[in-house]
């Protein structure tokens, strides 16, 4: 995906800066506008697909049923499931915040 070389430290700093910018936007409409400016339509669709399957996976719904409900590929569902199990904990943190905010 990366088309230009970057120092690993530079990429980590940029990721940290992006995380700070995302955390600073608390209004959902403003966040949506920020994401639409930041990402391509395909990137947004991919992220939305991943996010859409998280609660279904947490509810232990089988992959095939999730696919039938959402039309998200079984491969993507599996990747999200692996990330939920062995990732950095971001999905769990976001779900927790969503439940406390709503």
PDB file of N, CA and C in Angstrom:
ATOM      1  N   UNK A   1       0.820  -1.178   0.000  1.00  0.00           N
ATOM      2  CA  UNK A   1       0.000   0.000   0.000  1.00  0.00           C
ATOM      3  C   UNK A   1       0.873   1.254   0.000  1.00  0.00           C
ATOM      4  N   UNK A   2       1.987   1.220   0.718  1.00  0.00           N
ATOM      5  CA  UNK A   2       2.871   2.384   0.812  1.00  0.00           C
ATOM      6  C   UNK A   2       3.618   2.549  -0.491  1.00  0.00           C
ATOM      7  N   UNK A   3       3.581   3.739  -1.081  1.00  0.00           N
ATOM      8  CA  UNK A   3       4.205   3.970  -2.374  1.00  0.00           C
ATOM      9  C   UNK A   3       5.519   4.732  -2.273  1.00  0.00           C
ATOM     10  N   UNK A   4       5.803   5.302  -1.107  1.00  0.00           N
ATOM     11  CA  UNK A   4       7.044   6.037  -0.948  1.00  0.00           C
ATOM     12  C   UNK A   4       7.736   5.541   0.314  1.00  0.00           C
ATOM     13  N   UNK A   5       9.042   5.499   0.279  1.00  0.00           N
ATOM     14  CA  UNK A   5       9.737   5.038   1.480  1.00  0.00           C
ATOM     15  C   UNK A   5       9.581   6.058   2.606  1.00  0.00           C
ATOM     16  N   UNK A   6       9.457   5.554   3.798  1.00  0.00           N
ATOM     17  CA  UNK A   6       9.383   6.420   4.972  1.00  0.00           C
ATOM     18  C   UNK A   6      10.143   5.747   6.100  1.00  0.00           C
ATOM     19  N   UNK A   7      10.755   6.541   6.906  1.00  0.00           N
ATOM     20  CA  UNK A   7      11.418   6.008   8.081  1.00  0.00           C
ATOM     21  C   UNK A   7      10.356   5.459   9.024  1.00  0.00           C
ATOM     22  N   UNK A   8      10.610   4.288   9.628  1.00  0.00           N
ATOM     23  CA  UNK A   8       9.609   3.732  10.546  1.00  0.00           C
ATOM     24  C   UNK A   8       9.231   4.705  11.658  1.00  0.00           C
ATOM     25  N   UNK A   9      10.195   5.454  12.181  1.00  0.00           N
ATOM     26  CA  UNK A   9       9.889   6.411  13.244  1.00  0.00           C
ATOM     27  C   UNK A   9       8.958   7.508  12.733  1.00  0.00           C
ATOM     28  N   UNK A  10       9.188   7.980  11.495  1.00  0.00           N
ATOM     29  CA  UNK A  10       8.324   9.005  10.912  1.00  0.00           C
ATOM     30  C   UNK A  10       6.896   8.497  10.774  1.00  0.00           C
ATOM     31  N   UNK A  11       6.748   7.250  10.347  1.00  0.00           N
ATOM     32  CA  UNK A  11       5.416   6.674  10.188  1.00  0.00           C
ATOM     33  C   UNK A  11       4.719   6.554  11.543  1.00  0.00           C
ATOM     34  N   UNK A  12       5.459   6.185  12.566  1.00  0.00           N
ATOM     35  CA  UNK A  12       4.866   6.067  13.900  1.00  0.00           C
ATOM     36  C   UNK A  12       4.454   7.433  14.452  1.00  0.00           C
ATOM     37  N   UNK A  13       5.273   8.449  14.195  1.00  0.00           N
ATOM     38  CA  UNK A  13       4.917   9.807  14.619  1.00  0.00           C
ATOM     39  C   UNK A  13       3.659  10.261  13.900  1.00  0.00           C
ATOM     40  N   UNK A  14       3.598  10.025  12.590  1.00  0.00           N
ATOM     41  CA  UNK A  14       2.420  10.421  11.812  1.00  0.00           C
ATOM     42  C   UNK A  14       1.173   9.683  12.299  1.00  0.00           C
ATOM     43  N   UNK A  15       1.309   8.394  12.612  1.00  0.00           N
ATOM     44  CA  UNK A  15       0.178   7.629  13.130  1.00  0.00           C
ATOM     45  C   UNK A  15      -0.267   8.182  14.475  1.00  0.00           C
ATOM     46  N   UNK A  16       0.678   8.532  15.306  1.00  0.00           N
ATOM     47  CA  UNK A  16       0.337   9.140  16.593  1.00  0.00           C
ATOM     48  C   UNK A  16      -0.375  10.469  16.419  1.00  0.00           C
ATOM     49  N   UNK A  17       0.126  11.280  15.484  1.00  0.00           N
ATOM     50  CA  UNK A  17      -0.531  12.561  15.198  1.00  0.00           C
ATOM     51  C   UNK A  17      -1.958  12.349  14.701  1.00  0.00           C
ATOM     52  N   UNK A  18      -2.142  11.362  13.843  1.00  0.00           N
ATOM     53  CA  UNK A  18      -3.481  11.057  13.336  1.00  0.00           C
ATOM     54  C   UNK A  18      -4.391  10.609  14.474  1.00  0.00           C
ATOM     55  N   UNK A  19      -3.875   9.772  15.362  1.00  0.00           N
ATOM     56  CA  UNK A  19      -4.672   9.315  16.499  1.00  0.00           C
ATOM     57  C   UNK A  19      -5.112  10.494  17.365  1.00  0.00           C
ATOM     58  N   UNK A  20      -4.214  11.444  17.576  1.00  0.00           N
ATOM     59  CA  UNK A  20      -4.562  12.631  18.357  1.00  0.00           C
ATOM     60  C   UNK A  20      -5.662  13.423  17.645  1.00  0.00           C
ATOM     61  N   UNK A  21      -5.530  13.585  16.331  1.00  0.00           N
ATOM     62  CA  UNK A  21      -6.538  14.322  15.566  1.00  0.00           C
ATOM     63  C   UNK A  21      -7.892  13.619  15.642  1.00  0.00           C
ATOM     64  N   UNK A  22      -7.903  12.299  15.501  1.00  0.00           N
ATOM     65  CA  UNK A  22      -9.159  11.550  15.586  1.00  0.00           C
ATOM     66  C   UNK A  22      -9.784  11.681  16.969  1.00  0.00           C
ATOM     67  N   UNK A  23      -8.958  11.595  17.998  1.00  0.00           N
ATOM     68  CA  UNK A  23      -9.470  11.688  19.369  1.00  0.00           C
ATOM     69  C   UNK A  23     -10.004  13.077  19.679  1.00  0.00           C
ATOM     70  N   UNK A  24      -9.523  14.082  18.979  1.00  0.00           N
ATOM     71  CA  UNK A  24      -9.946  15.461  19.244  1.00  0.00           C
ATOM     72  C   UNK A  24     -11.332  15.774  18.690  1.00  0.00           C
ATOM     73  N   UNK A  25     -11.798  14.964  17.755  1.00  0.00           N
ATOM     74  CA  UNK A  25     -13.103  15.216  17.133  1.00  0.00           C
ATOM     75  C   UNK A  25     -14.146  14.398  17.889  1.00  0.00           C
ATOM     76  N   UNK A  26     -15.015  15.075  18.625  1.00  0.00           N
ATOM     77  CA  UNK A  26     -15.994  14.346  19.428  1.00  0.00           C
ATOM     78  C   UNK A  26     -17.389  14.324  18.802  1.00  0.00           C
ATOM     79  N   UNK A  27     -17.654  15.197  17.857  1.00  0.00           N
ATOM     80  CA  UNK A  27     -18.961  15.243  17.216  1.00  0.00           C
ATOM     81  C   UNK A  27     -19.017  14.235  16.063  1.00  0.00           C
ATOM     82  N   UNK A  28     -19.992  13.328  16.062  1.00  0.00           N
ATOM     83  CA  UNK A  28     -20.064  12.320  15.003  1.00  0.00           C
ATOM     84  C   UNK A  28     -20.146  12.899  13.588  1.00  0.00           C
ATOM     85  N   UNK A  29     -20.868  13.995  13.406  1.00  0.00           N
ATOM     86  CA  UNK A  29     -20.958  14.600  12.068  1.00  0.00           C
ATOM     87  C   UNK A  29     -19.607  15.159  11.628  1.00  0.00           C
ATOM     88  N   UNK A  30     -18.889  15.781  12.570  1.00  0.00           N
ATOM     89  CA  UNK A  30     -17.554  16.294  12.255  1.00  0.00           C
ATOM     90  C   UNK A  30     -16.588  15.148  11.969  1.00  0.00           C
ATOM     91  N   UNK A  31     -16.717  14.046  12.728  1.00  0.00           N
ATOM     92  CA  UNK A  31     -15.845  12.890  12.493  1.00  0.00           C
ATOM     93  C   UNK A  31     -16.131  12.296  11.123  1.00  0.00           C
ATOM     94  N   UNK A  32     -17.386  12.194  10.766  1.00  0.00           N
ATOM     95  CA  UNK A  32     -17.731  11.669   9.442  1.00  0.00           C
ATOM     96  C   UNK A  32     -17.121  12.538   8.346  1.00  0.00           C
ATOM     97  N   UNK A  33     -17.225  13.864   8.504  1.00  0.00           N
ATOM     98  CA  UNK A  33     -16.638  14.781   7.523  1.00  0.00           C
ATOM     99  C   UNK A  33     -15.117  14.604   7.463  1.00  0.00           C
ATOM    100  N   UNK A  34     -14.485  14.457   8.619  1.00  0.00           N
ATOM    101  CA  UNK A  34     -13.038  14.253   8.659  1.00  0.00           C
ATOM    102  C   UNK A  34     -12.665  12.958   7.937  1.00  0.00           C
ATOM    103  N   UNK A  35     -13.389  11.877   8.221  1.00  0.00           N
ATOM    104  CA  UNK A  35     -13.102  10.600   7.564  1.00  0.00           C
ATOM    105  C   UNK A  35     -13.322  10.679   6.056  1.00  0.00           C
ATOM    106  N   UNK A  36     -14.371  11.388   5.637  1.00  0.00           N
ATOM    107  CA  UNK A  36     -14.629  11.524   4.202  1.00  0.00           C
ATOM    108  C   UNK A  36     -13.537  12.337   3.516  1.00  0.00           C
ATOM    109  N   UNK A  37     -12.961  13.303   4.224  1.00  0.00           N
ATOM    110  CA  UNK A  37     -11.841  14.072   3.675  1.00  0.00           C
ATOM    111  C   UNK A  37     -10.549  13.252   3.661  1.00  0.00           C
ATOM    112  N   UNK A  38     -10.369  12.435   4.683  1.00  0.00           N
ATOM    113  CA  UNK A  38      -9.121  11.693   4.869  1.00  0.00           C
ATOM    114  C   UNK A  38      -9.023  10.453   3.981  1.00  0.00           C
ATOM    115  N   UNK A  39     -10.142   9.782   3.781  1.00  0.00           N
ATOM    116  CA  UNK A  39     -10.133   8.460   3.145  1.00  0.00           C
ATOM    117  C   UNK A  39     -10.812   8.469   1.780  1.00  0.00           C
ATOM    118  N   UNK A  40     -10.432   7.502   0.972  1.00  0.00           N
ATOM    119  CA  UNK A  40     -11.125   7.294  -0.292  1.00  0.00           C
ATOM    120  C   UNK A  40     -12.455   6.583  -0.007  1.00  0.00           C
ATOM    121  N   UNK A  41     -13.401   6.636  -0.946  1.00  0.00           N
ATOM    122  CA  UNK A  41     -14.651   5.890  -0.745  1.00  0.00           C
ATOM    123  C   UNK A  41     -14.409   4.396  -0.494  1.00  0.00           C
ATOM    124  N   UNK A  42     -13.438   3.817  -1.184  1.00  0.00           N
ATOM    125  CA  UNK A  42     -13.145   2.386  -0.990  1.00  0.00           C
ATOM    126  C   UNK A  42     -12.595   2.122   0.417  1.00  0.00           C
ATOM    127  N   UNK A  43     -11.751   3.015   0.908  1.00  0.00           N
ATOM    128  CA  UNK A  43     -11.217   2.861   2.260  1.00  0.00           C
ATOM    129  C   UNK A  43     -12.330   2.973   3.294  1.00  0.00           C
ATOM    130  N   UNK A  44     -13.222   3.931   3.100  1.00  0.00           N
ATOM    131  CA  UNK A  44     -14.346   4.091   4.022  1.00  0.00           C
ATOM    132  C   UNK A  44     -15.248   2.864   4.012  1.00  0.00           C
ATOM    133  N   UNK A  45     -15.502   2.343   2.819  1.00  0.00           N
ATOM    134  CA  UNK A  45     -16.344   1.147   2.718  1.00  0.00           C
ATOM    135  C   UNK A  45     -15.696  -0.031   3.438  1.00  0.00           C
ATOM    136  N   UNK A  46     -14.389  -0.197   3.250  1.00  0.00           N
ATOM    137  CA  UNK A  46     -13.679  -1.295   3.905  1.00  0.00           C
ATOM    138  C   UNK A  46     -13.718  -1.147   5.426  1.00  0.00           C
ATOM    139  N   UNK A  47     -13.495   0.069   5.910  1.00  0.00           N
ATOM    140  CA  UNK A  47     -13.529   0.286   7.360  1.00  0.00           C
ATOM    141  C   UNK A  47     -14.938   0.081   7.907  1.00  0.00           C
ATOM    142  N   UNK A  48     -15.936   0.575   7.200  1.00  0.00           N
ATOM    143  CA  UNK A  48     -17.322   0.404   7.645  1.00  0.00           C
ATOM    144  C   UNK A  48     -17.706  -1.070   7.658  1.00  0.00           C
ATOM    145  N   UNK A  49     -17.267  -1.825   6.657  1.00  0.00           N
ATOM    146  CA  UNK A  49     -17.543  -3.270   6.630  1.00  0.00           C
ATOM    147  C   UNK A  49     -16.935  -3.949   7.845  1.00  0.00           C
ATOM    148  N   UNK A  50     -15.679  -3.623   8.144  1.00  0.00           N
ATOM    149  CA  UNK A  50     -15.016  -4.240   9.297  1.00  0.00           C
ATOM    150  C   UNK A  50     -15.764  -3.904  10.581  1.00  0.00           C
ATOM    151  N   UNK A  51     -16.098  -2.626  10.718  1.00  0.00           N
ATOM    152  CA  UNK A  51     -16.774  -2.188  11.939  1.00  0.00           C
ATOM    153  C   UNK A  51     -18.152  -2.829  12.069  1.00  0.00           C
ATOM    154  N   UNK A  52     -18.837  -3.005  10.945  1.00  0.00           N
ATOM    155  CA  UNK A  52     -20.182  -3.582  10.953  1.00  0.00           C
ATOM    156  C   UNK A  52     -20.193  -5.009  11.474  1.00  0.00           C
ATOM    157  N   UNK A  53     -19.127  -5.759  11.252  1.00  0.00           N
ATOM    158  CA  UNK A  53     -19.126  -7.165  11.681  1.00  0.00           C
ATOM    159  C   UNK A  53     -18.653  -7.346  13.119  1.00  0.00           C
ATOM    160  N   UNK A  54     -18.022  -6.335  13.704  1.00  0.00           N
ATOM    161  CA  UNK A  54     -17.505  -6.476  15.068  1.00  0.00           C
ATOM    162  C   UNK A  54     -18.595  -6.898  16.055  1.00  0.00           C
ATOM    163  N   UNK A  55     -19.724  -6.167  16.147  1.00  0.00           N
ATOM    164  CA  UNK A  55     -20.728  -6.592  17.142  1.00  0.00           C
ATOM    165  C   UNK A  55     -21.300  -7.973  16.858  1.00  0.00           C
ATOM    166  N   UNK A  56     -21.374  -8.347  15.607  1.00  0.00           N
ATOM    167  CA  UNK A  56     -21.889  -9.678  15.259  1.00  0.00           C
ATOM    168  C   UNK A  56     -20.913 -10.761  15.704  1.00  0.00           C
ATOM    169  N   UNK A  57     -19.618 -10.510  15.520  1.00  0.00           N
ATOM    170  CA  UNK A  57     -18.619 -11.463  15.995  1.00  0.00           C
ATOM    171  C   UNK A  57     -18.635 -11.554  17.516  1.00  0.00           C
ATOM    172  N   UNK A  58     -18.771 -10.414  18.174  1.00  0.00           N
ATOM    173  CA  UNK A  58     -18.826 -10.410  19.639  1.00  0.00           C
ATOM    174  C   UNK A  58     -20.059 -11.142  20.162  1.00  0.00           C
ATOM    175  N   UNK A  59     -21.103 -11.203  19.334  1.00  0.00           N
ATOM    176  CA  UNK A  59     -22.315 -11.950  19.688  1.00  0.00           C
ATOM    177  C   UNK A  59     -22.209 -13.425  19.297  1.00  0.00           C
ATOM    178  N   UNK A  60     -21.006 -13.835  18.837  1.00  0.00           N
ATOM    179  CA  UNK A  60     -20.734 -15.233  18.458  1.00  0.00           C
ATOM    180  C   UNK A  60     -21.601 -15.736  17.316  1.00  0.00           C
ATOM    181  N   UNK A  61     -21.949 -14.853  16.410  1.00  0.00           N
ATOM    182  CA  UNK A  61     -22.706 -15.265  15.226  1.00  0.00           C
ATOM    183  C   UNK A  61     -21.724 -15.905  14.240  1.00  0.00           C
ATOM    184  N   UNK A  62     -22.078 -17.027  13.645  1.00  0.00           N
ATOM    185  CA  UNK A  62     -21.175 -17.703  12.712  1.00  0.00           C
ATOM    186  C   UNK A  62     -20.836 -16.835  11.499  1.00  0.00           C
ATOM    187  N   UNK A  63     -19.620 -17.030  10.993  1.00  0.00           N
ATOM    188  CA  UNK A  63     -19.131 -16.240   9.856  1.00  0.00           C
ATOM    189  C   UNK A  63     -20.098 -16.242   8.685  1.00  0.00           C
ATOM    190  N   UNK A  64     -20.608 -17.409   8.323  1.00  0.00           N
ATOM    191  CA  UNK A  64     -21.508 -17.507   7.160  1.00  0.00           C
ATOM    192  C   UNK A  64     -22.774 -16.693   7.375  1.00  0.00           C
ATOM    193  N   UNK A  65     -23.300 -16.715   8.586  1.00  0.00           N
ATOM    194  CA  UNK A  65     -24.506 -15.926   8.871  1.00  0.00           C
ATOM    195  C   UNK A  65     -24.188 -14.423   8.816  1.00  0.00           C
ATOM    196  N   UNK A  66     -23.016 -14.053   9.332  1.00  0.00           N
ATOM    197  CA  UNK A  66     -22.609 -12.651   9.239  1.00  0.00           C
ATOM    198  C   UNK A  66     -22.510 -12.240   7.776  1.00  0.00           C
ATOM    199  N   UNK A  67     -21.904 -13.096   6.970  1.00  0.00           N
ATOM    200  CA  UNK A  67     -21.793 -12.807   5.529  1.00  0.00           C
ATOM    201  C   UNK A  67     -23.182 -12.640   4.906  1.00  0.00           C
ATOM    202  N   UNK A  68     -24.098 -13.546   5.226  1.00  0.00           N
ATOM    203  CA  UNK A  68     -25.453 -13.464   4.664  1.00  0.00           C
ATOM    204  C   UNK A  68     -26.156 -12.176   5.079  1.00  0.00           C
ATOM    205  N   UNK A  69     -25.939 -11.748   6.312  1.00  0.00           N
ATOM    206  CA  UNK A  69     -26.593 -10.528   6.810  1.00  0.00           C
ATOM    207  C   UNK A  69     -25.988  -9.254   6.231  1.00  0.00           C
ATOM    208  N   UNK A  70     -24.652  -9.269   6.044  1.00  0.00           N
ATOM    209  CA  UNK A  70     -23.945  -8.023   5.722  1.00  0.00           C
ATOM    210  C   UNK A  70     -23.356  -7.979   4.319  1.00  0.00           C
ATOM    211  N   UNK A  71     -23.191  -9.128   3.694  1.00  0.00           N
ATOM    212  CA  UNK A  71     -22.510  -9.263   2.411  1.00  0.00           C
ATOM    213  C   UNK A  71     -21.014  -8.951   2.511  1.00  0.00           C
ATOM    214  N   UNK A  72     -20.478  -8.837   3.726  1.00  0.00           N
ATOM    215  CA  UNK A  72     -19.039  -8.695   3.930  1.00  0.00           C
ATOM    216  C   UNK A  72     -18.412 -10.062   3.687  1.00  0.00           C
ATOM    217  N   UNK A  73     -17.266 -10.082   3.015  1.00  0.00           N
ATOM    218  CA  UNK A  73     -16.645 -11.358   2.671  1.00  0.00           C
ATOM    219  C   UNK A  73     -16.244 -12.136   3.921  1.00  0.00           C
ATOM    220  N   UNK A  74     -16.299 -13.457   3.791  1.00  0.00           N
ATOM    221  CA  UNK A  74     -15.909 -14.334   4.890  1.00  0.00           C
ATOM    222  C   UNK A  74     -14.436 -14.098   5.232  1.00  0.00           C
ATOM    223  N   UNK A  75     -13.615 -13.783   4.244  1.00  0.00           N
ATOM    224  CA  UNK A  75     -12.206 -13.484   4.492  1.00  0.00           C
ATOM    225  C   UNK A  75     -12.063 -12.263   5.394  1.00  0.00           C
ATOM    226  N   UNK A  76     -12.795 -11.205   5.085  1.00  0.00           N
ATOM    227  CA  UNK A  76     -12.739  -9.996   5.915  1.00  0.00           C
ATOM    228  C   UNK A  76     -13.265 -10.297   7.316  1.00  0.00           C
ATOM    229  N   UNK A  77     -14.329 -11.040   7.406  1.00  0.00           N
ATOM    230  CA  UNK A  77     -14.888 -11.409   8.711  1.00  0.00           C
ATOM    231  C   UNK A  77     -13.839 -12.159   9.528  1.00  0.00           C
ATOM    232  N   UNK A  78     -13.137 -13.083   8.892  1.00  0.00           N
ATOM    233  CA  UNK A  78     -12.086 -13.827   9.579  1.00  0.00           C
ATOM    234  C   UNK A  78     -10.947 -12.934  10.047  1.00  0.00           C
ATOM    235  N   UNK A  79     -10.568 -11.982   9.210  1.00  0.00           N
ATOM    236  CA  UNK A  79      -9.508 -11.046   9.606  1.00  0.00           C
ATOM    237  C   UNK A  79      -9.927 -10.210  10.805  1.00  0.00           C
ATOM    238  N   UNK A  80     -11.164  -9.738  10.799  1.00  0.00           N
ATOM    239  CA  UNK A  80     -11.653  -8.958  11.940  1.00  0.00           C
ATOM    240  C   UNK A  80     -11.677  -9.828  13.194  1.00  0.00           C
ATOM    241  N   UNK A  81     -12.114 -11.062  13.045  1.00  0.00           N
ATOM    242  CA  UNK A  81     -12.155 -11.978  14.194  1.00  0.00           C
ATOM    243  C   UNK A  81     -10.761 -12.192  14.766  1.00  0.00           C
ATOM    244  N   UNK A  82      -9.763 -12.377  13.908  1.00  0.00           N
ATOM    245  CA  UNK A  82      -8.388 -12.549  14.382  1.00  0.00           C
ATOM    246  C   UNK A  82      -7.898 -11.292  15.095  1.00  0.00           C
ATOM    247  N   UNK A  83      -8.266 -10.135  14.553  1.00  0.00           N
ATOM    248  CA  UNK A  83      -7.854  -8.880  15.177  1.00  0.00           C
ATOM    249  C   UNK A  83      -8.536  -8.705  16.527  1.00  0.00           C
ATOM    250  N   UNK A  84      -9.794  -9.070  16.629  1.00  0.00           N
ATOM    251  CA  UNK A  84     -10.484  -9.017  17.916  1.00  0.00           C
ATOM    252  C   UNK A  84      -9.777  -9.899  18.939  1.00  0.00           C
ATOM    253  N   UNK A  85      -9.297 -11.043  18.473  1.00  0.00           N
ATOM    254  CA  UNK A  85      -8.658 -12.020  19.358  1.00  0.00           C
ATOM    255  C   UNK A  85      -7.216 -11.644  19.697  1.00  0.00           C
ATOM    256  N   UNK A  86      -6.465 -11.160  18.699  1.00  0.00           N
ATOM    257  CA  UNK A  86      -5.025 -10.961  18.905  1.00  0.00           C
ATOM    258  C   UNK A  86      -4.530  -9.576  18.540  1.00  0.00           C
ATOM    259  N   UNK A  87      -5.426  -8.640  18.330  1.00  0.00           N
ATOM    260  CA  UNK A  87      -5.025  -7.302  17.912  1.00  0.00           C
ATOM    261  C   UNK A  87      -4.587  -6.434  19.078  1.00  0.00           C
ATOM    262  N   UNK A  88      -4.557  -5.146  18.838  1.00  0.00           N
ATOM    263  CA  UNK A  88      -4.081  -4.170  19.824  1.00  0.00           C
ATOM    264  C   UNK A  88      -5.160  -3.748  20.813  1.00  0.00           C
ATOM    265  N   UNK A  89      -6.390  -4.240  20.644  1.00  0.00           N
ATOM    266  CA  UNK A  89      -7.462  -3.900  21.563  1.00  0.00           C
ATOM    267  C   UNK A  89      -8.298  -2.700  21.144  1.00  0.00           C
ATOM    268  N   UNK A  90      -8.063  -2.204  19.951  1.00  0.00           N
ATOM    269  CA  UNK A  90      -8.789  -1.025  19.489  1.00  0.00           C
ATOM    270  C   UNK A  90     -10.271  -1.258  19.280  1.00  0.00           C
ATOM    271  N   UNK A  91     -10.631  -2.396  18.709  1.00  0.00           N
ATOM    272  CA  UNK A  91     -12.050  -2.681  18.513  1.00  0.00           C
ATOM    273  C   UNK A  91     -12.769  -2.720  19.864  1.00  0.00           C
ATOM    274  N   UNK A  92     -12.174  -3.418  20.828  1.00  0.00           N
ATOM    275  CA  UNK A  92     -12.806  -3.539  22.146  1.00  0.00           C
ATOM    276  C   UNK A  92     -12.951  -2.171  22.809  1.00  0.00           C
ATOM    277  N   UNK A  93     -11.934  -1.335  22.701  1.00  0.00           N
ATOM    278  CA  UNK A  93     -11.999   0.002  23.292  1.00  0.00           C
ATOM    279  C   UNK A  93     -13.097   0.831  22.625  1.00  0.00           C
ATOM    280  N   UNK A  94     -13.194   0.743  21.305  1.00  0.00           N
ATOM    281  CA  UNK A  94     -14.201   1.507  20.584  1.00  0.00           C
ATOM    282  C   UNK A  94     -15.612   1.036  20.915  1.00  0.00           C
ATOM    283  N   UNK A  95     -15.789  -0.272  21.034  1.00  0.00           N
ATOM    284  CA  UNK A  95     -17.101  -0.820  21.415  1.00  0.00           C
ATOM    285  C   UNK A  95     -17.464  -0.347  22.812  1.00  0.00           C
ATOM    286  N   UNK A  96     -16.515  -0.375  23.728  1.00  0.00           N
ATOM    287  CA  UNK A  96     -16.757   0.065  25.098  1.00  0.00           C
ATOM    288  C   UNK A  96     -17.175   1.540  25.116  1.00  0.00           C
ATOM    289  N   UNK A  97     -16.464   2.378  24.368  1.00  0.00           N
ATOM    290  CA  UNK A  97     -16.790   3.797  24.314  1.00  0.00           C
ATOM    291  C   UNK A  97     -18.153   4.024  23.667  1.00  0.00           C
ATOM    292  N   UNK A  98     -18.457   3.231  22.640  1.00  0.00           N
ATOM    293  CA  UNK A  98     -19.752   3.378  21.975  1.00  0.00           C
ATOM    294  C   UNK A  98     -20.896   3.066  22.922  1.00  0.00           C
ATOM    295  N   UNK A  99     -20.713   2.030  23.739  1.00  0.00           N
ATOM    296  CA  UNK A  99     -21.770   1.659  24.683  1.00  0.00           C
ATOM    297  C   UNK A  99     -21.918   2.689  25.802  1.00  0.00           C
ATOM    298  N   UNK A 100     -20.827   3.288  26.219  1.00  0.00           N
ATOM    299  CA  UNK A 100     -20.906   4.310  27.263  1.00  0.00           C
ATOM    300  C   UNK A 100     -21.449   5.632  26.729  1.00  0.00           C
ATOM    301  N   UNK A 101     -21.225   5.893  25.445  1.00  0.00           N
ATOM    302  CA  UNK A 101     -21.698   7.149  24.858  1.00  0.00           C
ATOM    303  C   UNK A 101     -23.176   7.072  24.503  1.00  0.00           C
ATOM    304  N   UNK A 102     -23.645   5.863  24.184  1.00  0.00           N
ATOM    305  CA  UNK A 102     -25.015   5.721  23.707  1.00  0.00           C
ATOM    306  C   UNK A 102     -25.950   5.417  24.755  1.00  0.00           C
TER     307      UNK A 102
END
